[in-house]
Amino acid sequence: MLAVRIIVGIYLIIHGLCHLVGFVVPWKIATLKEEPYKTTLLAGAVDIGDAGIRAVGILWLLAAAGFAAGAVGVFGQWVWWRPLTMGLSIVSLVLCVLGLPGAKIGILANAIIIMYLVVGGKFGWVPAG
C-alpha cells in the first residue's frame, strides 16, 4: 500500500501544481504562450473583467493549496485526505469547465481522481488513514 500512497500523493502534488497556471496568468505573474491572459470564462462566452478573472485565479490558487494538503494527508495517512480530495476534485472540475478550452486536460485529471476515490474505495484500493 506504500507504493499506492506514493503514487497518489505525487499525482495530487502534480495536479495541484498544474492549478497554479490558473492563478499566475490572471494575476499577470507569468505570461504563457499556451495559456494567454483573458478575462472570459466558458470558452469566451462570459466576460468577467480583470477583477473577476483575478477572483477566479484565487480559486485556482486555493485548489492548488488544497491538493497539496491532500497529498500531505495521503503521506501522513490521515483519513481526512479522501473527503478533502473528493470535494477539491469537484471544485476543480467546475474550474476546468469554466476555463475551457485551456483547462480541458484538467477535466480528465479530475475524473481520474473522482473515479479512483469512488471505484477504488469500493474495492479497497484507496489508502485509508
N, C-alpha and C. Protein backbone atom coordinates (compact mmCIF):
# COMPACT_ATOMS: atom_id res chain seq x y z
N MET A 1 0.82 -1.20 0.00
CA MET A 1 0.00 0.00 0.00
C MET A 1 0.86 1.26 0.00
N LEU A 2 2.13 1.13 0.40
CA LEU A 2 3.02 2.28 0.40
C LEU A 2 3.21 2.82 -1.02
N ALA A 3 3.35 1.93 -1.98
CA ALA A 3 3.53 2.37 -3.37
C ALA A 3 2.30 3.14 -3.85
N VAL A 4 1.12 2.69 -3.45
CA VAL A 4 -0.11 3.39 -3.83
C VAL A 4 -0.13 4.78 -3.21
N ARG A 5 0.24 4.87 -1.95
CA ARG A 5 0.30 6.18 -1.27
C ARG A 5 1.24 7.14 -2.00
N ILE A 6 2.39 6.64 -2.37
CA ILE A 6 3.37 7.47 -3.07
C ILE A 6 2.83 7.94 -4.41
N ILE A 7 2.24 7.04 -5.18
CA ILE A 7 1.69 7.39 -6.49
C ILE A 7 0.57 8.41 -6.35
N VAL A 8 -0.35 8.15 -5.44
CA VAL A 8 -1.49 9.06 -5.24
C VAL A 8 -1.00 10.42 -4.75
N GLY A 9 -0.09 10.42 -3.79
CA GLY A 9 0.44 11.68 -3.27
C GLY A 9 1.14 12.50 -4.35
N ILE A 10 1.95 11.86 -5.15
CA ILE A 10 2.65 12.57 -6.23
C ILE A 10 1.65 13.08 -7.27
N TYR A 11 0.65 12.27 -7.61
CA TYR A 11 -0.38 12.71 -8.55
C TYR A 11 -1.08 13.97 -8.04
N LEU A 12 -1.42 13.98 -6.76
CA LEU A 12 -2.10 15.15 -6.18
C LEU A 12 -1.19 16.38 -6.19
N ILE A 13 0.09 16.19 -5.92
CA ILE A 13 1.03 17.32 -5.96
C ILE A 13 1.12 17.88 -7.37
N ILE A 14 1.27 17.01 -8.35
CA ILE A 14 1.37 17.45 -9.74
C ILE A 14 0.08 18.15 -10.17
N HIS A 15 -1.05 17.57 -9.80
CA HIS A 15 -2.34 18.19 -10.15
C HIS A 15 -2.45 19.58 -9.52
N GLY A 16 -2.03 19.69 -8.28
CA GLY A 16 -2.05 20.99 -7.62
C GLY A 16 -1.13 21.99 -8.29
N LEU A 17 0.05 21.56 -8.68
CA LEU A 17 0.98 22.45 -9.39
C LEU A 17 0.38 22.95 -10.70
N CYS A 18 -0.34 22.09 -11.39
CA CYS A 18 -0.98 22.49 -12.65
C CYS A 18 -2.02 23.59 -12.41
N HIS A 19 -2.64 23.57 -11.23
CA HIS A 19 -3.62 24.61 -10.90
C HIS A 19 -2.98 26.00 -10.80
N LEU A 20 -1.71 26.04 -10.54
CA LEU A 20 -1.05 27.34 -10.39
C LEU A 20 -1.10 28.17 -11.67
N VAL A 21 -1.22 27.51 -12.82
CA VAL A 21 -1.37 28.25 -14.08
C VAL A 21 -2.62 29.13 -14.02
N GLY A 22 -3.68 28.60 -13.44
CA GLY A 22 -4.93 29.34 -13.31
C GLY A 22 -4.83 30.54 -12.39
N PHE A 23 -3.74 30.60 -11.62
CA PHE A 23 -3.50 31.74 -10.75
C PHE A 23 -2.50 32.72 -11.35
N VAL A 24 -1.37 32.22 -11.81
CA VAL A 24 -0.29 33.12 -12.24
C VAL A 24 -0.63 33.89 -13.51
N VAL A 25 -1.45 33.32 -14.39
CA VAL A 25 -1.81 34.04 -15.62
C VAL A 25 -2.78 35.18 -15.34
N PRO A 26 -3.90 34.95 -14.64
CA PRO A 26 -4.81 36.06 -14.35
C PRO A 26 -4.18 37.17 -13.50
N TRP A 27 -3.24 36.80 -12.67
CA TRP A 27 -2.57 37.79 -11.82
C TRP A 27 -1.35 38.39 -12.51
N LYS A 28 -1.13 38.00 -13.75
CA LYS A 28 -0.04 38.53 -14.59
C LYS A 28 1.34 38.33 -13.94
N ILE A 29 1.47 37.23 -13.22
CA ILE A 29 2.75 36.86 -12.64
C ILE A 29 3.61 36.19 -13.70
N ALA A 30 2.96 35.49 -14.61
CA ALA A 30 3.65 34.81 -15.70
C ALA A 30 2.85 34.98 -16.99
N THR A 31 3.57 34.98 -18.09
CA THR A 31 2.94 35.02 -19.41
C THR A 31 3.25 33.70 -20.09
N LEU A 32 2.20 33.00 -20.47
CA LEU A 32 2.38 31.69 -21.09
C LEU A 32 1.76 31.70 -22.49
N LYS A 33 2.55 31.27 -23.45
CA LYS A 33 2.07 31.21 -24.84
C LYS A 33 0.88 30.26 -24.95
N GLU A 34 0.94 29.14 -24.22
CA GLU A 34 -0.11 28.13 -24.29
C GLU A 34 -1.40 28.56 -23.60
N GLU A 35 -1.30 29.48 -22.66
CA GLU A 35 -2.47 29.92 -21.89
C GLU A 35 -2.42 31.44 -21.77
N PRO A 36 -2.90 32.15 -22.78
CA PRO A 36 -2.82 33.61 -22.77
C PRO A 36 -3.78 34.23 -21.74
N TYR A 37 -3.45 35.45 -21.33
CA TYR A 37 -4.31 36.19 -20.41
C TYR A 37 -5.64 36.47 -21.08
N LYS A 38 -6.73 36.25 -20.36
CA LYS A 38 -8.07 36.55 -20.86
C LYS A 38 -8.96 36.85 -19.66
N THR A 39 -10.04 37.53 -19.92
CA THR A 39 -10.98 37.86 -18.85
C THR A 39 -12.31 37.14 -19.04
N THR A 40 -12.29 36.07 -19.82
CA THR A 40 -13.53 35.36 -20.13
C THR A 40 -13.52 33.95 -19.56
N LEU A 41 -14.72 33.42 -19.41
CA LEU A 41 -14.93 32.04 -18.97
C LEU A 41 -15.79 31.33 -20.00
N LEU A 42 -15.87 30.02 -19.87
CA LEU A 42 -16.71 29.19 -20.74
C LEU A 42 -16.41 29.42 -22.21
N ALA A 43 -15.13 29.27 -22.55
CA ALA A 43 -14.66 29.39 -23.94
C ALA A 43 -14.99 30.75 -24.53
N GLY A 44 -14.91 31.79 -23.70
CA GLY A 44 -15.13 33.15 -24.18
C GLY A 44 -16.56 33.62 -24.11
N ALA A 45 -17.47 32.80 -23.62
CA ALA A 45 -18.90 33.15 -23.61
C ALA A 45 -19.25 34.21 -22.57
N VAL A 46 -18.50 34.27 -21.47
CA VAL A 46 -18.82 35.19 -20.38
C VAL A 46 -17.58 36.01 -20.04
N ASP A 47 -17.67 37.32 -20.17
CA ASP A 47 -16.56 38.19 -19.81
C ASP A 47 -16.78 38.70 -18.39
N ILE A 48 -15.84 38.41 -17.50
CA ILE A 48 -15.99 38.81 -16.10
C ILE A 48 -15.01 39.93 -15.72
N GLY A 49 -14.24 40.41 -16.67
CA GLY A 49 -13.34 41.54 -16.43
C GLY A 49 -12.10 41.15 -15.64
N ASP A 50 -11.23 42.15 -15.46
CA ASP A 50 -9.96 41.93 -14.76
C ASP A 50 -10.16 41.48 -13.31
N ALA A 51 -11.02 42.18 -12.58
CA ALA A 51 -11.24 41.83 -11.17
C ALA A 51 -11.86 40.44 -11.05
N GLY A 52 -12.79 40.12 -11.93
CA GLY A 52 -13.44 38.81 -11.90
C GLY A 52 -12.48 37.68 -12.17
N ILE A 53 -11.61 37.87 -13.17
CA ILE A 53 -10.67 36.80 -13.51
C ILE A 53 -9.62 36.62 -12.42
N ARG A 54 -9.30 37.71 -11.72
CA ARG A 54 -8.38 37.59 -10.58
C ARG A 54 -9.04 36.82 -9.44
N ALA A 55 -10.33 37.05 -9.23
CA ALA A 55 -11.05 36.30 -8.20
C ALA A 55 -11.07 34.81 -8.54
N VAL A 56 -11.29 34.49 -9.79
CA VAL A 56 -11.24 33.09 -10.22
C VAL A 56 -9.82 32.55 -10.04
N GLY A 57 -8.83 33.39 -10.29
CA GLY A 57 -7.43 32.99 -10.07
C GLY A 57 -7.18 32.59 -8.63
N ILE A 58 -7.79 33.30 -7.70
CA ILE A 58 -7.66 32.95 -6.27
C ILE A 58 -8.24 31.56 -6.02
N LEU A 59 -9.35 31.24 -6.67
CA LEU A 59 -9.94 29.90 -6.52
C LEU A 59 -8.98 28.82 -7.02
N TRP A 60 -8.30 29.11 -8.16
CA TRP A 60 -7.31 28.17 -8.68
C TRP A 60 -6.17 27.99 -7.67
N LEU A 61 -5.75 29.08 -7.04
CA LEU A 61 -4.67 29.02 -6.06
C LEU A 61 -5.10 28.20 -4.84
N LEU A 62 -6.31 28.43 -4.36
CA LEU A 62 -6.82 27.67 -3.22
C LEU A 62 -6.91 26.19 -3.54
N ALA A 63 -7.33 25.87 -4.77
CA ALA A 63 -7.39 24.47 -5.18
C ALA A 63 -5.99 23.86 -5.20
N ALA A 64 -5.01 24.62 -5.68
CA ALA A 64 -3.62 24.13 -5.70
C ALA A 64 -3.16 23.81 -4.28
N ALA A 65 -3.42 24.73 -3.36
CA ALA A 65 -3.03 24.51 -1.96
C ALA A 65 -3.78 23.32 -1.37
N GLY A 66 -5.04 23.19 -1.73
CA GLY A 66 -5.84 22.07 -1.23
C GLY A 66 -5.32 20.72 -1.70
N PHE A 67 -4.93 20.64 -2.97
CA PHE A 67 -4.38 19.37 -3.46
C PHE A 67 -3.05 19.07 -2.79
N ALA A 68 -2.26 20.09 -2.52
CA ALA A 68 -1.01 19.87 -1.78
C ALA A 68 -1.32 19.34 -0.38
N ALA A 69 -2.35 19.91 0.26
CA ALA A 69 -2.75 19.44 1.58
C ALA A 69 -3.26 18.00 1.50
N GLY A 70 -4.00 17.68 0.45
CA GLY A 70 -4.45 16.30 0.25
C GLY A 70 -3.28 15.34 0.14
N ALA A 71 -2.23 15.76 -0.57
CA ALA A 71 -1.04 14.92 -0.70
C ALA A 71 -0.39 14.72 0.67
N VAL A 72 -0.33 15.78 1.46
CA VAL A 72 0.22 15.66 2.82
C VAL A 72 -0.61 14.66 3.62
N GLY A 73 -1.93 14.72 3.46
CA GLY A 73 -2.82 13.78 4.14
C GLY A 73 -2.58 12.34 3.72
N VAL A 74 -2.34 12.14 2.43
CA VAL A 74 -2.04 10.79 1.94
C VAL A 74 -0.74 10.29 2.57
N PHE A 75 0.31 11.12 2.48
CA PHE A 75 1.61 10.72 3.02
C PHE A 75 1.56 10.53 4.53
N GLY A 76 0.77 11.36 5.21
CA GLY A 76 0.66 11.26 6.67
C GLY A 76 -0.34 10.22 7.14
N GLN A 77 -1.02 9.57 6.19
CA GLN A 77 -2.01 8.53 6.48
C GLN A 77 -3.17 9.04 7.33
N TRP A 78 -3.60 10.26 7.05
CA TRP A 78 -4.74 10.84 7.75
C TRP A 78 -6.01 10.58 6.95
N VAL A 79 -7.10 10.26 7.63
CA VAL A 79 -8.34 9.89 6.94
C VAL A 79 -9.02 11.07 6.24
N TRP A 80 -8.73 12.29 6.63
CA TRP A 80 -9.40 13.45 6.04
C TRP A 80 -8.99 13.73 4.61
N TRP A 81 -7.93 13.11 4.11
CA TRP A 81 -7.48 13.41 2.75
C TRP A 81 -8.52 13.01 1.71
N ARG A 82 -9.28 11.93 1.98
CA ARG A 82 -10.26 11.46 0.98
C ARG A 82 -11.42 12.43 0.78
N PRO A 83 -12.12 12.84 1.84
CA PRO A 83 -13.21 13.80 1.59
C PRO A 83 -12.70 15.15 1.07
N LEU A 84 -11.54 15.58 1.56
CA LEU A 84 -10.96 16.83 1.07
C LEU A 84 -10.68 16.72 -0.42
N THR A 85 -10.04 15.65 -0.83
CA THR A 85 -9.67 15.47 -2.23
C THR A 85 -10.90 15.31 -3.12
N MET A 86 -11.92 14.63 -2.64
CA MET A 86 -13.16 14.49 -3.43
C MET A 86 -13.80 15.87 -3.63
N GLY A 87 -13.92 16.64 -2.57
CA GLY A 87 -14.50 17.98 -2.69
C GLY A 87 -13.69 18.88 -3.60
N LEU A 88 -12.37 18.83 -3.44
CA LEU A 88 -11.49 19.65 -4.29
C LEU A 88 -11.60 19.23 -5.75
N SER A 89 -11.72 17.95 -6.00
CA SER A 89 -11.82 17.47 -7.38
C SER A 89 -13.09 17.97 -8.04
N ILE A 90 -14.17 18.05 -7.29
CA ILE A 90 -15.42 18.58 -7.83
C ILE A 90 -15.29 20.07 -8.11
N VAL A 91 -14.71 20.81 -7.16
CA VAL A 91 -14.47 22.24 -7.37
C VAL A 91 -13.54 22.45 -8.56
N SER A 92 -12.49 21.66 -8.63
CA SER A 92 -11.53 21.75 -9.73
C SER A 92 -12.19 21.44 -11.06
N LEU A 93 -13.08 20.48 -11.06
CA LEU A 93 -13.82 20.14 -12.28
C LEU A 93 -14.63 21.33 -12.77
N VAL A 94 -15.28 22.02 -11.85
CA VAL A 94 -16.04 23.23 -12.21
C VAL A 94 -15.10 24.30 -12.75
N LEU A 95 -13.97 24.51 -12.10
CA LEU A 95 -12.99 25.50 -12.58
C LEU A 95 -12.51 25.14 -13.98
N CYS A 96 -12.28 23.88 -14.22
CA CYS A 96 -11.81 23.45 -15.54
C CYS A 96 -12.86 23.70 -16.61
N VAL A 97 -14.12 23.43 -16.29
CA VAL A 97 -15.19 23.71 -17.26
C VAL A 97 -15.25 25.22 -17.52
N LEU A 98 -15.15 26.02 -16.49
CA LEU A 98 -15.14 27.47 -16.67
C LEU A 98 -13.94 27.92 -17.51
N GLY A 99 -12.82 27.22 -17.37
CA GLY A 99 -11.60 27.58 -18.06
C GLY A 99 -11.42 26.96 -19.43
N LEU A 100 -12.45 26.33 -19.94
CA LEU A 100 -12.34 25.73 -21.28
C LEU A 100 -12.03 26.79 -22.31
N PRO A 101 -11.30 26.51 -23.35
CA PRO A 101 -10.77 25.20 -23.72
C PRO A 101 -9.41 24.90 -23.10
N GLY A 102 -8.77 25.89 -22.48
CA GLY A 102 -7.42 25.71 -21.98
C GLY A 102 -7.28 24.67 -20.88
N ALA A 103 -8.31 24.45 -20.10
CA ALA A 103 -8.22 23.55 -18.95
C ALA A 103 -8.85 22.18 -19.22
N LYS A 104 -8.99 21.82 -20.49
CA LYS A 104 -9.69 20.56 -20.80
C LYS A 104 -8.98 19.33 -20.25
N ILE A 105 -7.66 19.34 -20.18
CA ILE A 105 -6.93 18.19 -19.63
C ILE A 105 -7.24 18.02 -18.14
N GLY A 106 -7.56 19.13 -17.47
CA GLY A 106 -7.91 19.07 -16.06
C GLY A 106 -9.20 18.31 -15.81
N ILE A 107 -10.10 18.33 -16.78
CA ILE A 107 -11.35 17.57 -16.64
C ILE A 107 -11.02 16.09 -16.53
N LEU A 108 -10.13 15.61 -17.38
CA LEU A 108 -9.70 14.21 -17.31
C LEU A 108 -8.97 13.93 -16.00
N ALA A 109 -8.08 14.83 -15.60
CA ALA A 109 -7.32 14.62 -14.36
C ALA A 109 -8.25 14.52 -13.16
N ASN A 110 -9.28 15.35 -13.12
CA ASN A 110 -10.25 15.30 -12.01
C ASN A 110 -11.12 14.06 -12.09
N ALA A 111 -11.50 13.68 -13.30
CA ALA A 111 -12.30 12.47 -13.46
C ALA A 111 -11.54 11.25 -12.95
N ILE A 112 -10.25 11.21 -13.21
CA ILE A 112 -9.43 10.10 -12.71
C ILE A 112 -9.44 10.06 -11.19
N ILE A 113 -9.28 11.22 -10.57
CA ILE A 113 -9.29 11.27 -9.10
C ILE A 113 -10.64 10.82 -8.55
N ILE A 114 -11.71 11.36 -9.11
CA ILE A 114 -13.05 11.04 -8.62
C ILE A 114 -13.34 9.54 -8.79
N MET A 115 -13.03 9.02 -9.98
CA MET A 115 -13.26 7.59 -10.22
C MET A 115 -12.41 6.73 -9.28
N TYR A 116 -11.17 7.13 -9.07
CA TYR A 116 -10.30 6.39 -8.16
C TYR A 116 -10.90 6.37 -6.75
N LEU A 117 -11.36 7.51 -6.27
CA LEU A 117 -11.91 7.57 -4.92
C LEU A 117 -13.20 6.78 -4.79
N VAL A 118 -14.05 6.84 -5.81
CA VAL A 118 -15.35 6.13 -5.75
C VAL A 118 -15.16 4.64 -5.99
N VAL A 119 -14.61 4.29 -7.14
CA VAL A 119 -14.46 2.88 -7.50
C VAL A 119 -13.39 2.21 -6.65
N GLY A 120 -12.25 2.88 -6.50
CA GLY A 120 -11.17 2.32 -5.70
C GLY A 120 -11.56 2.12 -4.25
N GLY A 121 -12.39 3.03 -3.74
CA GLY A 121 -12.85 2.90 -2.36
C GLY A 121 -13.70 1.65 -2.16
N LYS A 122 -14.48 1.28 -3.16
CA LYS A 122 -15.33 0.10 -3.08
C LYS A 122 -14.51 -1.19 -3.11
N PHE A 123 -13.35 -1.15 -3.75
CA PHE A 123 -12.52 -2.35 -3.88
C PHE A 123 -11.32 -2.34 -2.93
N GLY A 124 -11.24 -1.34 -2.07
CA GLY A 124 -10.16 -1.29 -1.10
C GLY A 124 -8.83 -0.84 -1.68
N TRP A 125 -8.85 -0.15 -2.82
CA TRP A 125 -7.62 0.33 -3.46
C TRP A 125 -7.18 1.68 -2.94
N VAL A 126 -8.04 2.35 -2.19
CA VAL A 126 -7.73 3.69 -1.70
C VAL A 126 -7.17 3.58 -0.30
N PRO A 127 -5.97 4.09 -0.09
CA PRO A 127 -5.39 4.00 1.26
C PRO A 127 -6.25 4.71 2.29
N ALA A 128 -6.47 4.07 3.38
CA ALA A 128 -7.22 4.68 4.49
C ALA A 128 -6.25 5.54 5.30
N GLY A 129 -6.69 5.98 6.43
CA GLY A 129 -5.83 6.79 7.28
C GLY A 129 -4.92 5.96 8.11
